[in-house]
Protein backbone atom coordinates (compact mmCIF):
# COMPACT_ATOMS: atom_id res chain seq x y z
CA MET A 1 34.64 12.62 -4.39
CA THR A 2 31.52 13.61 -6.33
CA PRO A 3 29.19 10.72 -7.20
CA GLU A 4 28.15 10.26 -10.80
CA THR A 5 24.45 10.83 -11.33
CA SER A 6 22.04 10.07 -14.11
CA PRO A 7 20.83 12.83 -16.44
CA ALA A 8 17.93 14.88 -15.07
CA PRO A 9 14.94 14.39 -17.38
CA ALA A 10 12.46 16.53 -15.42
CA PRO A 11 12.28 19.84 -13.53
CA PRO A 12 13.39 20.05 -9.86
CA THR A 13 11.25 18.47 -7.16
CA SER A 14 10.16 21.83 -5.71
CA THR A 15 8.39 22.82 -8.93
CA ARG A 16 6.77 19.50 -9.75
CA ALA A 17 2.99 19.37 -9.74
CA ARG A 18 1.33 17.03 -7.31
CA GLY A 19 -1.42 14.57 -8.09
CA ARG A 20 -4.86 14.59 -6.51
CA PRO A 21 -4.66 13.61 -2.81
CA SER A 22 -6.21 10.26 -1.93
CA HIS A 23 -6.70 8.08 1.12
CA LEU A 24 -3.92 5.84 2.36
CA ALA A 25 -4.25 2.11 1.85
CA ALA A 26 -5.35 0.24 4.96
CA ALA A 27 -1.90 -1.31 5.38
CA GLN A 28 -0.29 2.15 5.38
CA TYR A 29 -2.17 3.62 8.36
CA GLY A 30 -0.27 1.73 11.04
CA ILE A 31 3.08 2.72 9.54
CA TRP A 32 1.97 6.34 9.21
CA GLU A 33 0.84 6.49 12.85
CA SER A 34 3.99 4.95 14.32
CA GLN A 35 6.21 7.24 12.21
CA ARG A 36 4.09 10.27 13.18
CA HIS A 37 4.58 9.46 16.88
CA ALA A 38 8.36 9.09 16.40
CA PRO A 39 9.31 11.44 13.55
CA ALA A 40 13.04 11.33 14.35
CA VAL A 41 13.34 7.53 14.65
CA PRO A 42 14.15 5.38 11.56
CA LEU A 43 11.44 2.82 12.28
CA HIS A 44 10.52 1.99 8.71
CA GLU A 45 13.57 2.61 6.53
CA CYS A 46 14.25 -0.54 4.50
CA GLY A 47 17.02 -1.47 2.11
CA VAL A 48 18.15 -4.24 -0.17
CA ALA A 49 21.49 -4.61 -1.95
CA LEU A 50 22.09 -6.63 -5.12
CA THR A 51 25.72 -7.60 -5.68
CA LEU A 52 26.14 -7.79 -9.46
CA THR A 53 28.99 -9.81 -10.93
CA GLY A 54 29.69 -9.44 -14.64
CA ALA A 55 29.88 -6.76 -17.30
CA LEU A 56 27.25 -4.25 -16.18
CA ASP A 57 25.69 -1.99 -18.82
CA ARG A 58 25.29 1.20 -16.81
CA LEU A 59 23.27 3.02 -19.47
CA ALA A 60 20.82 0.11 -19.57
CA LEU A 61 20.60 0.26 -15.77
CA HIS A 62 19.84 4.00 -15.82
CA ARG A 63 17.08 3.36 -18.35
CA ALA A 64 15.70 0.42 -16.37
CA VAL A 65 15.52 2.40 -13.11
CA ALA A 66 13.83 5.35 -14.83
CA ARG A 67 11.30 3.08 -16.50
CA ALA A 68 10.62 1.10 -13.30
CA LEU A 69 10.00 4.29 -11.31
CA GLY A 70 7.68 5.56 -14.01
CA GLU A 71 5.65 2.36 -13.83
CA THR A 72 5.54 2.10 -10.02
CA GLU A 73 3.20 4.71 -8.58
CA THR A 74 3.77 3.79 -4.96
CA LEU A 75 7.42 4.90 -5.24
CA ARG A 76 6.27 8.32 -6.47
CA THR A 77 4.11 9.38 -3.53
CA ARG A 78 4.14 12.03 -0.82
CA PHE A 79 2.20 11.83 2.43
CA HIS A 80 0.56 14.73 4.28
CA MET A 81 -1.65 15.20 7.31
CA THR A 82 -4.81 17.12 6.46
CA PRO A 83 -7.87 18.20 8.50
CA HIS A 84 -9.49 15.03 7.17
CA GLY A 85 -6.64 12.71 8.08
CA PRO A 86 -3.48 11.56 6.26
CA ARG A 87 -3.49 11.67 2.48
CA ARG A 88 -1.11 10.59 -0.26
CA ALA A 89 -0.45 12.21 -3.64
CA LEU A 90 1.51 11.21 -6.74
CA VAL A 91 4.53 13.18 -7.95
CA PRO A 92 6.94 12.64 -10.87
CA PRO A 93 9.90 10.27 -10.36
CA PRO A 94 12.67 11.32 -7.96
CA LEU A 95 15.78 13.03 -9.30
CA PRO A 96 18.30 11.70 -9.95
CA VAL A 97 16.81 8.28 -10.58
CA LEU A 98 20.19 6.61 -9.99
CA THR A 99 23.33 7.79 -8.23
CA VAL A 100 26.63 6.08 -9.08
CA THR A 101 29.44 6.11 -6.53
CA ASP A 102 32.89 4.80 -7.48
CA LEU A 103 34.55 2.92 -4.60
CA ARG A 104 37.09 1.03 -6.69
CA HIS A 105 39.95 2.99 -5.17
CA GLU A 106 39.02 1.91 -1.62
CA ALA A 107 40.99 -0.82 0.15
CA ASP A 108 37.76 -2.59 1.11
CA PRO A 109 34.99 -1.25 -1.14
CA GLU A 110 32.39 -3.73 0.13
CA ALA A 111 32.88 -2.54 3.72
CA VAL A 112 32.68 1.10 2.68
CA ALA A 113 29.46 0.45 0.74
CA ASP A 114 27.98 -1.44 3.70
CA ALA A 115 28.83 1.42 6.10
CA ARG A 116 27.27 3.99 3.77
CA ILE A 117 24.12 1.92 3.41
CA ARG A 118 23.75 1.51 7.16
CA ALA A 119 24.29 5.24 7.69
CA ASP A 120 21.67 6.01 5.06
CA LEU A 121 19.14 3.67 6.68
CA ALA A 122 19.77 5.36 10.04
CA THR A 123 18.27 8.60 8.69
CA VAL A 124 14.53 9.25 8.59
CA THR A 125 12.65 10.02 5.39
CA ASP A 126 10.43 13.10 5.56
CA LEU A 127 7.39 11.58 3.87
CA ALA A 128 5.92 15.00 3.03
CA ARG A 129 9.03 16.46 1.40
CA GLN A 130 11.37 13.65 0.39
CA ASP A 131 11.15 10.84 -2.12
CA PRO A 132 10.22 7.56 -0.40
CA CYS A 133 12.91 5.63 -2.29
CA ALA A 134 16.39 5.95 -3.79
CA HIS A 135 18.73 3.89 -5.98
CA GLU A 136 22.50 3.97 -5.71
CA LEU A 137 25.06 1.95 -7.64
CA PHE A 138 28.40 1.34 -5.91
CA LEU A 139 31.25 0.37 -8.24
CA LEU A 140 33.37 -2.14 -6.32
CA GLY A 141 35.86 -3.51 -8.83
CA PRO A 142 36.28 -5.01 -12.28
CA GLU A 143 32.91 -6.49 -13.24
CA ARG A 144 31.62 -6.16 -9.70
CA ALA A 145 29.06 -3.63 -8.46
CA LEU A 146 26.40 -3.26 -5.79
CA LEU A 147 22.95 -1.86 -6.53
CA TYR A 148 21.37 -0.46 -3.37
CA PHE A 149 17.63 0.20 -3.25
CA ARG A 150 16.27 2.09 -0.23
CA TYR A 151 12.58 2.64 0.46
CA HIS A 152 10.23 3.59 3.26
CA HIS A 153 8.05 0.70 4.35
CA ILE A 154 4.91 2.79 3.90
CA VAL A 155 5.25 2.39 0.12
CA LEU A 156 6.38 -1.23 -0.20
CA ASP A 157 5.98 -4.44 1.76
CA GLY A 158 8.28 -7.45 1.38
CA PHE A 159 6.33 -8.94 -1.52
CA GLY A 160 6.11 -5.53 -3.16
CA GLN A 161 9.89 -5.25 -2.97
CA TYR A 162 10.21 -8.62 -4.69
CA LEU A 163 7.80 -7.57 -7.46
CA TYR A 164 9.68 -4.31 -8.00
CA LEU A 165 13.13 -5.92 -8.15
CA ARG A 166 11.84 -8.60 -10.49
CA ARG A 167 10.46 -5.96 -12.84
CA LEU A 168 13.68 -3.94 -12.60
CA ALA A 169 15.66 -7.04 -13.62
CA GLU A 170 13.26 -7.67 -16.53
CA LEU A 171 13.67 -4.10 -17.77
CA TYR A 172 17.45 -4.20 -17.45
CA GLU A 173 17.65 -7.48 -19.37
CA ALA A 174 15.51 -6.01 -22.16
CA PHE A 175 17.53 -2.79 -22.46
CA GLU A 176 20.85 -4.65 -22.19
CA SER A 177 19.87 -6.94 -25.07
CA GLY A 178 18.39 -4.15 -27.20
CA ARG A 179 14.81 -5.41 -26.95
CA ALA A 180 11.67 -3.46 -26.16
CA PRO A 181 10.47 -4.39 -22.65
CA THR A 182 7.16 -6.12 -22.11
CA ALA A 183 4.20 -4.10 -20.87
CA PRO A 184 3.99 -3.75 -17.08
CA ALA A 185 1.54 -5.91 -15.18
CA ALA A 186 1.15 -3.39 -12.33
CA VAL A 187 -2.07 -1.39 -12.07
CA PRO A 188 -2.56 2.20 -10.81
CA LEU A 189 -2.97 2.74 -7.08
CA GLU A 190 -6.51 3.99 -7.71
CA ARG A 191 -7.43 0.51 -8.91
CA LEU A 192 -6.10 -1.04 -5.69
CA ALA A 193 -7.98 1.57 -3.66
CA ALA A 194 -11.20 0.76 -5.49
CA ASP A 195 -10.68 -2.95 -4.86
CA GLU A 196 -10.10 -2.27 -1.16
CA ALA A 197 -13.24 -0.13 -0.92
CA ALA A 198 -15.26 -2.85 -2.61
CA TYR A 199 -13.90 -5.42 -0.17
CA LEU A 200 -14.98 -3.31 2.82
CA ARG A 201 -18.56 -3.34 1.48
CA SER A 202 -18.56 -7.03 0.63
CA PRO A 203 -19.97 -10.08 2.45
CA GLN A 204 -16.40 -11.40 2.55
CA TYR A 205 -15.39 -8.53 4.84
CA ALA A 206 -18.19 -9.39 7.26
CA GLU A 207 -17.19 -13.06 7.17
CA ASP A 208 -13.53 -12.18 7.78
CA ALA A 209 -14.42 -9.85 10.65
CA ALA A 210 -16.53 -12.57 12.27
CA TYR A 211 -13.67 -15.07 11.99
CA TRP A 212 -11.13 -12.79 13.69
CA HIS A 213 -13.65 -11.73 16.33
CA ALA A 214 -14.14 -15.40 17.18
CA GLU A 215 -10.37 -15.96 17.27
CA ARG A 216 -9.81 -13.01 19.62
CA SER A 217 -12.76 -14.01 21.77
CA SER A 218 -11.60 -17.59 22.18
CA THR A 219 -10.06 -18.64 25.45
CA ALA A 220 -6.65 -16.99 25.79
CA PRO A 221 -3.74 -19.12 26.98
CA PRO A 222 -4.10 -18.95 30.78
CA ASP A 223 -0.37 -18.70 31.27
CA GLY A 224 0.03 -15.68 29.00
CA SER A 225 2.19 -17.65 26.60
CA GLY A 226 3.66 -15.86 23.66
CA GLY A 227 4.42 -12.78 25.75
CA PRO A 228 7.76 -11.48 27.02
CA ASP A 229 9.48 -13.75 29.45
CA GLY A 230 10.57 -12.75 32.90
CA PRO A 231 8.91 -12.64 36.33
CA ASP A 232 7.59 -9.08 35.91
CA ALA A 233 6.29 -9.46 32.38
CA PRO A 234 2.63 -8.49 32.00
CA PRO A 235 0.13 -10.89 30.46
CA ALA A 236 -0.43 -10.70 26.74
CA ALA A 237 -2.83 -7.92 25.79
CA GLU A 238 -5.82 -8.81 23.63
CA PRO A 239 -6.43 -6.37 20.79
CA PRO A 240 -9.97 -4.98 20.90
CA ASP A 241 -12.23 -5.08 17.88
CA SER A 242 -11.36 -2.30 15.49
CA PRO A 243 -13.92 -0.93 13.06
CA GLY A 244 -13.01 -0.32 9.47
CA HIS A 245 -9.74 -1.68 8.20
CA PRO A 246 -7.03 -1.20 10.85
CA ALA A 247 -3.50 -1.56 9.60
CA ALA A 248 -0.56 -3.78 10.21
CA ALA A 249 2.42 -4.54 8.02
CA ASP A 250 4.99 -7.18 7.30
CA GLY A 251 8.70 -7.26 6.94
CA PRO A 252 11.60 -5.86 8.92
CA GLY A 253 11.37 -2.80 11.12
CA ILE A 254 7.74 -3.01 12.24
CA PRO A 255 7.18 -1.96 15.88
CA ARG A 256 4.57 -4.07 17.63
CA ARG A 257 3.00 -1.18 19.54
CA PRO A 258 2.49 2.57 19.06
CA VAL A 259 5.67 4.51 19.75
CA ALA A 260 6.35 7.67 21.68
CA ALA A 261 8.60 10.51 20.58
CA ASP A 262 11.71 8.68 21.81
CA GLY A 263 10.94 5.66 19.66
CA HIS A 264 9.94 3.42 22.58
CA ALA A 265 6.69 1.52 22.45
CA VAL A 266 3.72 2.65 24.48
CA PRO A 267 2.33 -0.61 25.89
CA PRO A 268 -1.36 -0.69 26.81
CA ASP A 269 -0.61 -1.18 30.50
CA GLY A 270 2.30 1.26 30.51
CA HIS A 271 4.95 -0.93 32.14
CA ALA A 272 6.11 -3.51 29.58
CA ALA A 273 9.71 -3.39 28.41
CA PRO A 274 10.04 -1.20 25.30
CA PRO A 275 11.18 -2.49 21.91
CA GLY A 276 14.77 -1.75 21.01
CA PRO A 277 17.32 -1.95 18.20
CA ALA A 278 17.94 -5.44 16.89
CA VAL A 279 20.75 -7.82 17.66
CA SER A 280 20.86 -10.25 14.73
CA ARG A 281 22.21 -13.74 14.23
CA THR A 282 21.76 -15.87 11.11
CA ALA A 283 21.81 -19.52 10.15
CA VAL A 284 21.44 -21.27 6.81
CA LEU A 285 19.46 -24.44 6.12
CA THR A 286 21.01 -26.11 3.09
CA PRO A 287 18.67 -27.75 0.55
CA HIS A 288 19.46 -31.14 2.12
CA ARG A 289 18.77 -29.95 5.67
CA LEU A 290 15.62 -28.17 4.55
CA GLY A 291 14.46 -31.26 2.67
CA THR A 292 14.90 -33.38 5.78
CA LEU A 293 12.93 -30.88 7.87
CA LEU A 294 10.07 -30.59 5.38
CA ALA A 295 9.82 -34.37 5.05
CA ALA A 296 9.62 -34.62 8.84
CA GLY A 297 6.93 -31.96 9.03
CA ARG A 298 4.88 -33.66 6.35
CA GLY A 299 4.71 -36.93 8.24
CA GLU A 300 1.97 -39.30 7.12
CA GLY A 301 -0.66 -36.64 6.42
CA PRO A 302 -1.17 -34.29 3.49
CA ALA A 303 1.33 -31.49 2.90
CA PRO A 304 0.26 -28.38 4.81
CA VAL A 305 -0.41 -25.11 3.04
CA GLY A 306 2.76 -23.06 2.80
CA HIS A 307 5.14 -26.00 3.38
CA GLU A 308 8.11 -23.97 4.73
CA ALA A 309 5.80 -21.53 6.52
CA ALA A 310 3.75 -24.17 8.37
CA THR A 311 6.85 -26.18 9.30
CA LEU A 312 8.84 -23.19 10.56
CA ILE A 313 5.87 -21.74 12.45
CA ALA A 314 5.37 -25.11 14.13
CA ALA A 315 9.08 -25.23 14.98
CA THR A 316 8.81 -21.73 16.46
CA ALA A 317 5.87 -22.88 18.57
CA VAL A 318 7.97 -25.79 19.90
CA TRP A 319 10.85 -23.39 20.60
CA SER A 320 8.46 -21.00 22.42
CA TYR A 321 7.02 -23.92 24.42
CA ASP A 322 10.55 -24.89 25.43
CA ARG A 323 11.64 -21.32 26.13
CA HIS A 324 8.64 -20.45 28.29
CA GLY A 325 8.72 -23.57 30.45
CA GLY A 326 6.03 -25.68 28.84
CA ARG A 327 3.29 -23.20 28.00
CA THR A 328 0.90 -25.12 25.77
CA GLY A 329 -0.96 -22.13 24.25
CA ILE A 330 1.30 -20.27 21.85
CA VAL A 331 0.66 -17.19 19.70
CA VAL A 332 2.84 -16.65 16.62
CA ASN A 333 2.41 -13.51 14.52
CA LEU A 334 2.48 -14.26 10.80
CA PRO A 335 2.97 -11.45 8.23
CA VAL A 336 1.13 -12.20 4.98
CA THR A 337 0.84 -10.52 1.60
CA ALA A 338 -2.94 -9.94 2.01
CA ARG A 339 -3.20 -10.16 -1.76
CA ARG A 340 -5.97 -12.14 -3.44
CA SER A 341 -6.71 -10.52 -6.80
CA ARG A 342 -4.51 -10.62 -9.90
CA ALA A 343 -4.08 -6.83 -9.73
CA GLU A 344 -2.84 -7.04 -6.12
CA LEU A 345 -0.48 -9.91 -6.93
CA ASP A 346 1.05 -7.97 -9.84
CA THR A 347 1.44 -4.51 -8.28
CA PRO A 348 4.28 -3.36 -6.01
CA ALA A 349 2.65 -1.63 -3.04
CA GLN A 350 2.16 -1.80 0.71
CA LEU A 351 -0.77 -4.16 1.26
CA ALA A 352 0.55 -6.64 3.82
CA ASN A 353 -1.10 -7.71 7.04
CA GLU A 354 -0.03 -9.53 10.21
CA LEU A 355 -2.11 -12.42 11.52
CA PRO A 356 -1.98 -13.72 15.12
CA LEU A 357 -2.03 -17.54 14.95
CA ARG A 358 -3.14 -19.34 18.11
CA LEU A 359 -1.51 -22.76 18.30
CA ALA A 360 -1.91 -25.54 20.85
CA VAL A 361 1.34 -27.40 21.57
CA ASP A 362 0.58 -30.88 22.88
CA PRO A 363 3.76 -32.41 24.37
CA ASP A 364 2.29 -35.89 23.84
CA ALA A 365 1.76 -35.34 20.11
CA SER A 366 4.37 -35.58 17.38
CA PHE A 367 5.97 -32.74 15.44
CA ALA A 368 4.24 -33.94 12.28
CA ALA A 369 0.89 -33.61 14.08
CA LEU A 370 1.78 -30.08 15.18
CA VAL A 371 2.69 -29.14 11.60
CA ARG A 372 -0.68 -30.46 10.42
CA HIS A 373 -2.43 -28.44 13.15
CA THR A 374 -0.42 -25.38 12.12
CA GLY A 375 -1.27 -25.98 8.46
CA VAL A 376 -4.98 -25.95 9.31
CA LYS A 377 -4.62 -22.69 11.25
CA VAL A 378 -2.60 -21.12 8.42
CA ARG A 379 -5.18 -22.19 5.84
CA GLU A 380 -7.99 -20.70 7.91
CA ALA A 381 -6.07 -17.47 8.51
CA LEU A 382 -5.17 -17.06 4.84
CA ARG A 383 -8.81 -17.32 3.85
CA HIS A 384 -9.39 -14.22 5.99
CA GLN A 385 -6.04 -12.48 5.51
CA ARG A 386 -7.36 -9.18 4.11
CA HIS A 387 -9.10 -8.20 7.36
CA ARG A 388 -6.98 -6.02 9.60
CA ALA A 389 -7.19 -7.84 12.90
CA VAL A 390 -4.82 -5.50 14.74
CA GLY A 391 -3.41 -1.99 14.38
CA PRO A 392 -4.69 1.59 14.37
CA SER A 393 -8.02 2.17 12.66
CA PRO A 394 -8.18 4.83 9.96
CA ARG A 395 -11.68 5.66 11.18
CA THR A 396 -10.74 6.25 14.81
CA ALA A 397 -6.96 6.80 14.60
CA GLU A 398 -6.77 5.05 17.98
CA PRO A 399 -3.61 2.98 18.50
CA VAL A 400 -4.12 -0.71 19.22
CA ALA A 401 -1.46 -3.15 20.47
CA THR A 402 -0.78 -6.41 18.70
CA PRO A 403 -0.33 -9.53 20.84
CA PRO A 404 3.22 -9.66 22.20
CA ALA A 405 4.47 -12.79 20.46
CA PRO A 406 7.28 -13.95 18.21
CA GLN A 407 6.91 -12.99 14.59
CA VAL A 408 7.79 -15.47 11.85
CA ASN A 409 8.14 -13.66 8.52
CA VAL A 410 8.58 -16.26 5.76
CA MET A 411 9.68 -14.37 2.64
CA THR A 412 10.34 -17.29 0.30
CA PHE A 413 8.27 -16.05 -2.63
CA GLY A 414 11.31 -15.63 -4.84
CA ALA A 415 14.96 -14.73 -5.11
CA LEU A 416 16.84 -13.06 -7.95
CA SER A 417 19.78 -15.09 -9.22
CA GLY A 418 20.40 -13.13 -12.40
CA PHE A 419 20.28 -9.53 -13.53
CA GLY A 420 20.60 -9.61 -17.29
CA SER A 421 24.01 -11.08 -18.07
CA CYS A 422 25.18 -10.45 -14.49
CA ARG A 423 24.95 -12.90 -11.62
CA ALA A 424 23.09 -11.38 -8.67
CA THR A 425 23.13 -12.08 -4.94
CA CYS A 426 20.65 -10.32 -2.70
CA ARG A 427 21.15 -8.97 0.82
CA GLN A 428 18.32 -7.52 2.89
CA TYR A 429 18.91 -4.73 5.40
CA PRO A 430 16.10 -5.02 7.98
CA VAL A 431 16.07 -2.14 10.45
CA GLY A 432 13.77 -0.70 13.09
CA LEU A 433 12.83 -1.82 16.57
CA VAL A 434 12.07 -5.33 17.79
CA ALA A 435 9.69 -6.18 20.64
CA ASP A 436 11.28 -9.50 21.68
CA ILE A 437 12.62 -12.04 19.17
CA ASP A 438 11.57 -12.25 15.53
CA LEU A 439 12.50 -14.75 12.83
CA ASN A 440 12.91 -13.58 9.24
CA VAL A 441 13.20 -16.34 6.63
CA TYR A 442 14.63 -15.78 3.15
CA ARG A 443 15.18 -18.08 0.21
CA GLU A 444 18.88 -18.94 -0.18
CA LEU A 445 20.02 -20.07 -3.61
CA PRO A 446 22.89 -22.57 -3.30
CA ALA A 447 26.17 -22.22 -5.12
CA PRO A 448 26.69 -24.56 -8.11
CA ASN A 449 26.88 -28.25 -7.02
CA GLU A 450 25.94 -27.31 -3.45
CA GLY A 451 23.10 -28.86 -1.50
CA ARG A 452 23.10 -32.39 -2.98
CA GLU A 453 24.73 -34.15 -0.05
CA ASN A 454 22.05 -36.82 0.17
CA GLU A 455 19.85 -37.36 -2.87
CA GLU A 456 17.62 -39.76 -0.93
CA VAL A 457 15.99 -36.98 1.09
CA ARG A 458 13.03 -35.83 -1.01
CA THR A 459 10.41 -33.16 -0.47
CA GLY A 460 8.38 -33.73 -3.62
CA PRO A 461 8.13 -36.22 -6.45
CA GLY A 462 11.81 -37.10 -6.65
CA HIS A 463 13.36 -33.71 -5.99
CA LEU A 464 15.29 -31.88 -3.32
CA PRO A 465 14.18 -28.28 -2.83
CA PRO A 466 16.15 -26.15 -5.34
CA TYR A 467 17.07 -23.70 -2.60
CA GLY A 468 17.89 -23.46 1.08
CA LEU A 469 16.65 -21.01 3.69
CA ARG A 470 18.47 -18.25 5.52
CA LEU A 471 17.11 -17.76 9.04
CA GLU A 472 17.67 -14.37 10.63
CA PHE A 473 17.01 -14.12 14.36
CA ARG A 474 16.40 -10.50 15.39
CA ALA A 475 16.21 -9.78 19.10
CA ASN A 476 15.49 -6.68 21.18
CA SER A 477 18.87 -5.45 22.40
CA HIS A 478 17.19 -3.97 25.50
CA ARG A 479 16.28 -7.49 26.56
CA HIS A 480 18.87 -9.79 24.97
CA ARG A 481 22.67 -9.68 24.84
CA PRO A 482 24.42 -10.98 21.72
CA ASP A 483 25.32 -14.18 23.60
CA ASP A 484 21.64 -14.67 24.46
CA VAL A 485 20.66 -14.42 20.80
CA SER A 486 23.36 -16.94 19.85
CA ARG A 487 22.02 -19.27 22.53
CA HIS A 488 18.44 -18.91 21.28
CA ARG A 489 19.59 -19.59 17.72
CA ARG A 490 21.52 -22.67 18.81
CA ARG A 491 18.55 -24.05 20.74
CA PHE A 492 16.18 -23.42 17.81
CA LEU A 493 18.50 -25.30 15.44
CA GLU A 494 18.89 -28.15 17.95
CA LEU A 495 15.12 -28.54 18.09
CA LEU A 496 14.90 -28.45 14.27
CA ASP A 497 17.40 -31.26 13.99
CA ALA A 498 15.73 -33.25 16.76
CA VAL A 499 12.22 -33.15 15.30
CA ALA A 500 13.56 -33.72 11.77
CA GLY A 501 15.43 -36.82 12.95
CA ARG A 502 12.45 -38.42 14.77
CA PRO A 503 9.25 -36.61 13.78
CA ASP A 504 7.13 -39.52 15.04
CA LEU A 505 8.19 -39.15 18.68
CA PRO A 506 6.13 -37.13 21.16
CA LEU A 507 7.43 -33.58 21.40
CA ALA A 508 8.20 -34.10 25.08
CA ARG A 509 10.96 -36.55 24.07
CA HIS A 510 12.77 -33.74 22.22
CA LEU A 511 12.66 -31.22 25.07
């Protein structure tokens, strides 16, 4: 079967002129280095699938994808190693902009589409020769289709993906209705590069560097908490100071340490267990259950910054305390957008950072107190989120290990529920290697009339949260069997329910 493709509006890729090479963004260096050390391993291939229900206007979709690619410079880049280090250059949009594959004759078209997506994500993008993204539309049945968007993580972080999909939906809605689309809010990559260069020369950079130096120089947990469990596990490694703007990144598929040619991590001491492919288990917090948890985390004090983030990070700290036999010093790695300016907040790109939060779990204190403590640490970290505390430095190109700790990636900045006249449901395809156990958190929009089981549980002035949360536990398959991951998920949910039911009790009473 030959897939349907969109008309080719430009000459073939091999004859397209390249733009002027420029430096990588700080957040891209770590991804570049890990992919360079493992060129045959799909460490950073990411995908998202939108299931579209309704009468889809395929011509409007072709136009929307072409327009979105034209507006989004990061999706039109190539990456090359030069004598002066890695560089990126702009090229025209990929061809075809959209491939359409008809699966309506298949007995189970959803399963076929899923298998094709997973096979596609198992292949590695050649960043020098291949487009860093692709769009494919799978036709599943009458008024049912699946739009698959694949991209390499070097060009988009999780928030960048959200911005891009939101703009794509805006363009499709305009073309479907016959309106002219609004002007794009995104700025050229050169503008972001100029902003980053200005930051590196600013007093804010020096202040941020001093903050993270103090954090890394503070007394480390004496029991090595936050690291891999097991009798032969090495203590957590402290990342040394890194000049310049070393890189880290958010989202699925990010290895915690530099990788060798076989895709395994190269730990600083050479004998830690390597990261491996993920074993995943999910759970959903309904709006009611989430409202109960957030009310418990809020306690008697002010609402912490981030709300869901502070509460779930605190819950992860309790779970780590329980898992590691009562270690009171916990490190939780927090991916953040690292965006402060309007231009950064409006432009799809790879700008994200990962912040190591040091938390003190006091078994005699309440969960609400721990959430308030976590909120303070999150607020402090976010004030300094642009500084690259860990990762390889573009000045030295020396790999640096991040602290071995659970990662909590709270991606609740938005969820598409509509795509023009079509109803949309979103499914993420996180891939890559996992060091130990990570928690990805996504916004889950409830079905009509769902999530109102108990109107008396409030999280704001008279309202339940309008959404739930989908928790995805991703564990290193070299270290954890599927049954182990199910057990960890069950224990995490038990602790959530326990602290939500009696947030005033000392944490020791819940363990």
